[in-house]
Amino acid sequence: MSYVGINSVGLRRRGFTTEKIREIQDIYRILYQKNFNTTQALSIIEAEMEATPERDDIIQFIRNSSRGIMKGYSSSTI
């Protein structure tokens, strides 16, 4: 199992604007597509992205997670 992208259709159906969906996509790109560990990614997100309820909810969710988040898979396990 691995991250492949956000559910932009579901977000749109729930009333998220294109701008908010793009913001969430940018956050997840930093978390999942760049070669940062979770701590580094969160620091970059906080430093470089404007504080919004969506950004802060994602950061808080990850920080409060007792098991961490899934960061992808190794090609050797496929």
PDB file of N, CA and C in Angstrom:
ATOM      1  N   MET A   1       0.842  -1.170   0.000  1.00  0.00           N
ATOM      2  CA  MET A   1       0.000   0.000   0.000  1.00  0.00           C
ATOM      3  C   MET A   1       0.896   1.244   0.000  1.00  0.00           C
ATOM      4  N   SER A   2       0.516   2.249  -0.763  1.00  0.00           N
ATOM      5  CA  SER A   2       1.300   3.480  -0.797  1.00  0.00           C
ATOM      6  C   SER A   2       0.413   4.663  -1.154  1.00  0.00           C
ATOM      7  N   TYR A   3       0.918   5.838  -0.852  1.00  0.00           N
ATOM      8  CA  TYR A   3       0.217   7.078  -1.173  1.00  0.00           C
ATOM      9  C   TYR A   3       0.311   7.328  -2.669  1.00  0.00           C
ATOM     10  N   VAL A   4      -0.818   7.662  -3.303  1.00  0.00           N
ATOM     11  CA  VAL A   4      -0.804   7.977  -4.727  1.00  0.00           C
ATOM     12  C   VAL A   4      -1.372   9.352  -5.035  1.00  0.00           C
ATOM     13  N   GLY A   5      -2.004   9.995  -4.078  1.00  0.00           N
ATOM     14  CA  GLY A   5      -2.537  11.331  -4.294  1.00  0.00           C
ATOM     15  C   GLY A   5      -3.741  11.594  -3.409  1.00  0.00           C
ATOM     16  N   ILE A   6      -4.152  12.843  -3.381  1.00  0.00           N
ATOM     17  CA  ILE A   6      -5.325  13.185  -2.578  1.00  0.00           C
ATOM     18  C   ILE A   6      -6.589  12.913  -3.380  1.00  0.00           C
ATOM     19  N   ASN A   7      -7.691  12.807  -2.701  1.00  0.00           N
ATOM     20  CA  ASN A   7      -8.982  12.579  -3.347  1.00  0.00           C
ATOM     21  C   ASN A   7      -9.592  13.941  -3.692  1.00  0.00           C
ATOM     22  N   SER A   8      -9.126  14.525  -4.780  1.00  0.00           N
ATOM     23  CA  SER A   8      -9.591  15.861  -5.147  1.00  0.00           C
ATOM     24  C   SER A   8     -11.074  15.871  -5.515  1.00  0.00           C
ATOM     25  N   VAL A   9     -11.581  14.794  -6.081  1.00  0.00           N
ATOM     26  CA  VAL A   9     -13.007  14.724  -6.418  1.00  0.00           C
ATOM     27  C   VAL A   9     -13.836  14.753  -5.135  1.00  0.00           C
ATOM     28  N   GLY A  10     -13.435  13.974  -4.151  1.00  0.00           N
ATOM     29  CA  GLY A  10     -14.144  13.962  -2.876  1.00  0.00           C
ATOM     30  C   GLY A  10     -14.079  15.311  -2.177  1.00  0.00           C
ATOM     31  N   LEU A  11     -12.914  15.954  -2.227  1.00  0.00           N
ATOM     32  CA  LEU A  11     -12.781  17.279  -1.618  1.00  0.00           C
ATOM     33  C   LEU A  11     -13.684  18.289  -2.312  1.00  0.00           C
ATOM     34  N   ARG A  12     -13.721  18.231  -3.640  1.00  0.00           N
ATOM     35  CA  ARG A  12     -14.579  19.146  -4.399  1.00  0.00           C
ATOM     36  C   ARG A  12     -16.051  18.935  -4.035  1.00  0.00           C
ATOM     37  N   ARG A  13     -16.445  17.667  -3.917  1.00  0.00           N
ATOM     38  CA  ARG A  13     -17.833  17.352  -3.542  1.00  0.00           C
ATOM     39  C   ARG A  13     -18.170  17.886  -2.151  1.00  0.00           C
ATOM     40  N   ARG A  14     -17.170  17.979  -1.299  1.00  0.00           N
ATOM     41  CA  ARG A  14     -17.386  18.478   0.064  1.00  0.00           C
ATOM     42  C   ARG A  14     -17.229  19.994   0.160  1.00  0.00           C
ATOM     43  N   GLY A  15     -17.089  20.661  -0.985  1.00  0.00           N
ATOM     44  CA  GLY A  15     -17.100  22.114  -0.995  1.00  0.00           C
ATOM     45  C   GLY A  15     -15.751  22.800  -0.932  1.00  0.00           C
ATOM     46  N   PHE A  16     -14.658  22.033  -1.043  1.00  0.00           N
ATOM     47  CA  PHE A  16     -13.339  22.659  -1.056  1.00  0.00           C
ATOM     48  C   PHE A  16     -13.129  23.378  -2.384  1.00  0.00           C
ATOM     49  N   THR A  17     -12.558  24.570  -2.315  1.00  0.00           N
ATOM     50  CA  THR A  17     -12.276  25.335  -3.530  1.00  0.00           C
ATOM     51  C   THR A  17     -11.054  24.752  -4.230  1.00  0.00           C
ATOM     52  N   THR A  18     -10.881  25.125  -5.493  1.00  0.00           N
ATOM     53  CA  THR A  18      -9.704  24.694  -6.243  1.00  0.00           C
ATOM     54  C   THR A  18      -8.425  25.151  -5.548  1.00  0.00           C
ATOM     55  N   GLU A  19      -8.457  26.356  -4.991  1.00  0.00           N
ATOM     56  CA  GLU A  19      -7.284  26.885  -4.272  1.00  0.00           C
ATOM     57  C   GLU A  19      -6.947  26.031  -3.051  1.00  0.00           C
ATOM     58  N   LYS A  20      -7.947  25.629  -2.280  1.00  0.00           N
ATOM     59  CA  LYS A  20      -7.717  24.804  -1.087  1.00  0.00           C
ATOM     60  C   LYS A  20      -7.236  23.410  -1.474  1.00  0.00           C
ATOM     61  N   ILE A  21      -7.790  22.857  -2.533  1.00  0.00           N
ATOM     62  CA  ILE A  21      -7.349  21.541  -3.003  1.00  0.00           C
ATOM     63  C   ILE A  21      -5.893  21.619  -3.436  1.00  0.00           C
ATOM     64  N   ARG A  22      -5.514  22.670  -4.124  1.00  0.00           N
ATOM     65  CA  ARG A  22      -4.126  22.859  -4.553  1.00  0.00           C
ATOM     66  C   ARG A  22      -3.200  22.981  -3.332  1.00  0.00           C
ATOM     67  N   GLU A  23      -3.663  23.698  -2.314  1.00  0.00           N
ATOM     68  CA  GLU A  23      -2.873  23.841  -1.082  1.00  0.00           C
ATOM     69  C   GLU A  23      -2.627  22.471  -0.433  1.00  0.00           C
ATOM     70  N   ILE A  24      -3.667  21.668  -0.341  1.00  0.00           N
ATOM     71  CA  ILE A  24      -3.544  20.339   0.251  1.00  0.00           C
ATOM     72  C   ILE A  24      -2.612  19.468  -0.596  1.00  0.00           C
ATOM     73  N   GLN A  25      -2.722  19.575  -1.917  1.00  0.00           N
ATOM     74  CA  GLN A  25      -1.826  18.835  -2.803  1.00  0.00           C
ATOM     75  C   GLN A  25      -0.376  19.245  -2.571  1.00  0.00           C
ATOM     76  N   ASP A  26      -0.130  20.534  -2.416  1.00  0.00           N
ATOM     77  CA  ASP A  26       1.231  21.021  -2.173  1.00  0.00           C
ATOM     78  C   ASP A  26       1.790  20.462  -0.864  1.00  0.00           C
ATOM     79  N   ILE A  27       0.961  20.414   0.157  1.00  0.00           N
ATOM     80  CA  ILE A  27       1.391  19.860   1.443  1.00  0.00           C
ATOM     81  C   ILE A  27       1.757  18.389   1.283  1.00  0.00           C
ATOM     82  N   TYR A  28       0.919  17.640   0.607  1.00  0.00           N
ATOM     83  CA  TYR A  28       1.180  16.211   0.445  1.00  0.00           C
ATOM     84  C   TYR A  28       2.362  15.940  -0.475  1.00  0.00           C
ATOM     85  N   ARG A  29       2.629  16.814  -1.426  1.00  0.00           N
ATOM     86  CA  ARG A  29       3.838  16.664  -2.248  1.00  0.00           C
ATOM     87  C   ARG A  29       5.085  16.763  -1.385  1.00  0.00           C
ATOM     88  N   ILE A  30       5.092  17.740  -0.477  1.00  0.00           N
ATOM     89  CA  ILE A  30       6.245  17.892   0.421  1.00  0.00           C
ATOM     90  C   ILE A  30       6.375  16.665   1.317  1.00  0.00           C
ATOM     91  N   LEU A  31       5.261  16.171   1.828  1.00  0.00           N
ATOM     92  CA  LEU A  31       5.296  15.010   2.722  1.00  0.00           C
ATOM     93  C   LEU A  31       5.695  13.719   2.020  1.00  0.00           C
ATOM     94  N   TYR A  32       5.193  13.497   0.814  1.00  0.00           N
ATOM     95  CA  TYR A  32       5.326  12.192   0.181  1.00  0.00           C
ATOM     96  C   TYR A  32       6.234  12.126  -1.041  1.00  0.00           C
ATOM     97  N   GLN A  33       6.416  13.205  -1.770  1.00  0.00           N
ATOM     98  CA  GLN A  33       7.172  13.110  -3.008  1.00  0.00           C
ATOM     99  C   GLN A  33       8.587  13.657  -2.905  1.00  0.00           C
ATOM    100  N   LYS A  34       8.849  14.436  -1.889  1.00  0.00           N
ATOM    101  CA  LYS A  34      10.199  14.930  -1.671  1.00  0.00           C
ATOM    102  C   LYS A  34      10.916  13.934  -0.773  1.00  0.00           C
ATOM    103  N   ASN A  35      12.225  14.004  -0.733  1.00  0.00           N
ATOM    104  CA  ASN A  35      12.986  13.052   0.075  1.00  0.00           C
ATOM    105  C   ASN A  35      13.266  13.584   1.471  1.00  0.00           C
ATOM    106  N   PHE A  36      12.217  14.028   2.152  1.00  0.00           N
ATOM    107  CA  PHE A  36      12.346  14.519   3.516  1.00  0.00           C
ATOM    108  C   PHE A  36      11.747  13.500   4.475  1.00  0.00           C
ATOM    109  N   ASN A  37      12.324  13.425   5.685  1.00  0.00           N
ATOM    110  CA  ASN A  37      11.635  12.636   6.698  1.00  0.00           C
ATOM    111  C   ASN A  37      10.450  13.469   7.191  1.00  0.00           C
ATOM    112  N   THR A  38       9.594  12.885   7.986  1.00  0.00           N
ATOM    113  CA  THR A  38       8.368  13.567   8.394  1.00  0.00           C
ATOM    114  C   THR A  38       8.664  14.857   9.155  1.00  0.00           C
ATOM    115  N   THR A  39       9.624  14.827  10.065  1.00  0.00           N
ATOM    116  CA  THR A  39       9.969  16.020  10.839  1.00  0.00           C
ATOM    117  C   THR A  39      10.449  17.145   9.935  1.00  0.00           C
ATOM    118  N   GLN A  40      11.311  16.825   8.985  1.00  0.00           N
ATOM    119  CA  GLN A  40      11.798  17.831   8.034  1.00  0.00           C
ATOM    120  C   GLN A  40      10.650  18.386   7.205  1.00  0.00           C
ATOM    121  N   ALA A  41       9.790  17.506   6.712  1.00  0.00           N
ATOM    122  CA  ALA A  41       8.671  17.935   5.871  1.00  0.00           C
ATOM    123  C   ALA A  41       7.745  18.878   6.638  1.00  0.00           C
ATOM    124  N   LEU A  42       7.437  18.538   7.877  1.00  0.00           N
ATOM    125  CA  LEU A  42       6.560  19.399   8.674  1.00  0.00           C
ATOM    126  C   LEU A  42       7.202  20.765   8.912  1.00  0.00           C
ATOM    127  N   SER A  43       8.492  20.796   9.159  1.00  0.00           N
ATOM    128  CA  SER A  43       9.188  22.071   9.357  1.00  0.00           C
ATOM    129  C   SER A  43       9.119  22.928   8.104  1.00  0.00           C
ATOM    130  N   ILE A  44       9.307  22.314   6.952  1.00  0.00           N
ATOM    131  CA  ILE A  44       9.247  23.040   5.676  1.00  0.00           C
ATOM    132  C   ILE A  44       7.832  23.561   5.435  1.00  0.00           C
ATOM    133  N   ILE A  45       6.848  22.730   5.676  1.00  0.00           N
ATOM    134  CA  ILE A  45       5.459  23.142   5.483  1.00  0.00           C
ATOM    135  C   ILE A  45       5.134  24.345   6.371  1.00  0.00           C
ATOM    136  N   GLU A  46       5.544  24.284   7.621  1.00  0.00           N
ATOM    137  CA  GLU A  46       5.271  25.394   8.539  1.00  0.00           C
ATOM    138  C   GLU A  46       6.012  26.664   8.141  1.00  0.00           C
ATOM    139  N   ALA A  47       7.247  26.518   7.673  1.00  0.00           N
ATOM    140  CA  ALA A  47       8.058  27.689   7.337  1.00  0.00           C
ATOM    141  C   ALA A  47       7.663  28.322   6.005  1.00  0.00           C
ATOM    142  N   GLU A  48       7.259  27.521   5.045  1.00  0.00           N
ATOM    143  CA  GLU A  48       7.081  28.015   3.683  1.00  0.00           C
ATOM    144  C   GLU A  48       5.632  28.201   3.255  1.00  0.00           C
ATOM    145  N   MET A  49       4.705  27.638   4.001  1.00  0.00           N
ATOM    146  CA  MET A  49       3.308  27.736   3.589  1.00  0.00           C
ATOM    147  C   MET A  49       2.539  28.612   4.567  1.00  0.00           C
ATOM    148  N   GLU A  50       1.636  29.382   4.021  1.00  0.00           N
ATOM    149  CA  GLU A  50       0.792  30.253   4.841  1.00  0.00           C
ATOM    150  C   GLU A  50      -0.034  29.423   5.824  1.00  0.00           C
ATOM    151  N   ALA A  51      -0.161  29.922   7.040  1.00  0.00           N
ATOM    152  CA  ALA A  51      -0.978  29.229   8.039  1.00  0.00           C
ATOM    153  C   ALA A  51      -2.447  29.304   7.628  1.00  0.00           C
ATOM    154  N   THR A  52      -3.069  28.149   7.486  1.00  0.00           N
ATOM    155  CA  THR A  52      -4.494  28.045   7.175  1.00  0.00           C
ATOM    156  C   THR A  52      -5.062  26.933   8.050  1.00  0.00           C
ATOM    157  N   PRO A  53      -6.364  26.907   8.222  1.00  0.00           N
ATOM    158  CA  PRO A  53      -6.954  25.807   9.012  1.00  0.00           C
ATOM    159  C   PRO A  53      -6.617  24.425   8.433  1.00  0.00           C
ATOM    160  N   GLU A  54      -6.610  24.306   7.116  1.00  0.00           N
ATOM    161  CA  GLU A  54      -6.308  23.018   6.479  1.00  0.00           C
ATOM    162  C   GLU A  54      -4.864  22.600   6.752  1.00  0.00           C
ATOM    163  N   ARG A  55      -3.934  23.521   6.542  1.00  0.00           N
ATOM    164  CA  ARG A  55      -2.523  23.235   6.798  1.00  0.00           C
ATOM    165  C   ARG A  55      -2.321  22.835   8.253  1.00  0.00           C
ATOM    166  N   ASP A  56      -2.900  23.622   9.168  1.00  0.00           N
ATOM    167  CA  ASP A  56      -2.724  23.358  10.589  1.00  0.00           C
ATOM    168  C   ASP A  56      -3.377  22.045  11.017  1.00  0.00           C
ATOM    169  N   ASP A  57      -4.518  21.695  10.423  1.00  0.00           N
ATOM    170  CA  ASP A  57      -5.168  20.419  10.735  1.00  0.00           C
ATOM    171  C   ASP A  57      -4.297  19.241  10.316  1.00  0.00           C
ATOM    172  N   ILE A  58      -3.698  19.321   9.134  1.00  0.00           N
ATOM    173  CA  ILE A  58      -2.832  18.246   8.646  1.00  0.00           C
ATOM    174  C   ILE A  58      -1.616  18.100   9.558  1.00  0.00           C
ATOM    175  N   ILE A  59      -0.974  19.219   9.886  1.00  0.00           N
ATOM    176  CA  ILE A  59       0.203  19.185  10.761  1.00  0.00           C
ATOM    177  C   ILE A  59      -0.162  18.603  12.121  1.00  0.00           C
ATOM    178  N   GLN A  60      -1.263  19.074  12.694  1.00  0.00           N
ATOM    179  CA  GLN A  60      -1.680  18.592  14.014  1.00  0.00           C
ATOM    180  C   GLN A  60      -2.006  17.101  13.974  1.00  0.00           C
ATOM    181  N   PHE A  61      -2.683  16.660  12.932  1.00  0.00           N
ATOM    182  CA  PHE A  61      -3.016  15.242  12.800  1.00  0.00           C
ATOM    183  C   PHE A  61      -1.756  14.387  12.798  1.00  0.00           C
ATOM    184  N   ILE A  62      -0.764  14.791  12.013  1.00  0.00           N
ATOM    185  CA  ILE A  62       0.472  14.017  11.918  1.00  0.00           C
ATOM    186  C   ILE A  62       1.218  14.027  13.248  1.00  0.00           C
ATOM    187  N   ARG A  63       1.328  15.187  13.870  1.00  0.00           N
ATOM    188  CA  ARG A  63       2.044  15.292  15.151  1.00  0.00           C
ATOM    189  C   ARG A  63       1.351  14.511  16.263  1.00  0.00           C
ATOM    190  N   ASN A  64       0.038  14.405  16.222  1.00  0.00           N
ATOM    191  CA  ASN A  64      -0.708  13.692  17.265  1.00  0.00           C
ATOM    192  C   ASN A  64      -0.815  12.194  17.012  1.00  0.00           C
ATOM    193  N   SER A  65      -0.350  11.748  15.853  1.00  0.00           N
ATOM    194  CA  SER A  65      -0.438  10.339  15.511  1.00  0.00           C
ATOM    195  C   SER A  65       0.563   9.537  16.343  1.00  0.00           C
ATOM    196  N   SER A  66       0.078   8.526  17.029  1.00  0.00           N
ATOM    197  CA  SER A  66       0.976   7.706  17.843  1.00  0.00           C
ATOM    198  C   SER A  66       1.754   6.705  16.993  1.00  0.00           C
ATOM    199  N   ARG A  67       1.277   6.407  15.799  1.00  0.00           N
ATOM    200  CA  ARG A  67       1.940   5.420  14.938  1.00  0.00           C
ATOM    201  C   ARG A  67       2.642   6.044  13.738  1.00  0.00           C
ATOM    202  N   GLY A  68       2.556   7.357  13.584  1.00  0.00           N
ATOM    203  CA  GLY A  68       3.184   8.007  12.439  1.00  0.00           C
ATOM    204  C   GLY A  68       2.313   7.894  11.202  1.00  0.00           C
ATOM    205  N   ILE A  69       2.890   8.232  10.055  1.00  0.00           N
ATOM    206  CA  ILE A  69       2.148   8.162   8.799  1.00  0.00           C
ATOM    207  C   ILE A  69       2.888   7.258   7.824  1.00  0.00           C
ATOM    208  N   MET A  70       2.160   6.718   6.878  1.00  0.00           N
ATOM    209  CA  MET A  70       2.743   5.876   5.851  1.00  0.00           C
ATOM    210  C   MET A  70       3.550   6.756   4.903  1.00  0.00           C
ATOM    211  N   LYS A  71       4.788   6.396   4.643  1.00  0.00           N
ATOM    212  CA  LYS A  71       5.651   7.211   3.803  1.00  0.00           C
ATOM    213  C   LYS A  71       5.962   6.567   2.453  1.00  0.00           C
ATOM    214  N   GLY A  72       5.316   5.512   2.084  1.00  0.00           N
ATOM    215  CA  GLY A  72       5.575   4.905   0.780  1.00  0.00           C
ATOM    216  C   GLY A  72       6.086   3.493   0.933  1.00  0.00           C
ATOM    217  N   TYR A  73       6.765   3.031  -0.071  1.00  0.00           N
ATOM    218  CA  TYR A  73       7.241   1.653  -0.069  1.00  0.00           C
ATOM    219  C   TYR A  73       8.604   1.580  -0.726  1.00  0.00           C
ATOM    220  N   SER A  74       9.280   0.508  -0.468  1.00  0.00           N
ATOM    221  CA  SER A  74      10.589   0.265  -1.069  1.00  0.00           C
ATOM    222  C   SER A  74      10.380  -0.538  -2.343  1.00  0.00           C
ATOM    223  N   SER A  75      11.097  -0.228  -3.393  1.00  0.00           N
ATOM    224  CA  SER A  75      10.944  -0.964  -4.653  1.00  0.00           C
ATOM    225  C   SER A  75      11.358  -2.416  -4.502  1.00  0.00           C
ATOM    226  N   SER A  76      12.139  -2.731  -3.479  1.00  0.00           N
ATOM    227  CA  SER A  76      12.557  -4.112  -3.265  1.00  0.00           C
ATOM    228  C   SER A  76      11.429  -4.977  -2.721  1.00  0.00           C
ATOM    229  N   THR A  77      10.343  -4.364  -2.254  1.00  0.00           N
ATOM    230  CA  THR A  77       9.229  -5.153  -1.707  1.00  0.00           C
ATOM    231  C   THR A  77       8.150  -5.411  -2.740  1.00  0.00           C
ATOM    232  N   ILE A  78       8.341  -4.946  -3.946  1.00  0.00           N
ATOM    233  CA  ILE A  78       7.316  -5.132  -4.988  1.00  0.00           C
ATOM    234  C   ILE A  78       7.608  -6.393  -5.769  1.00  0.00           C
TER     235      ILE A  78
END
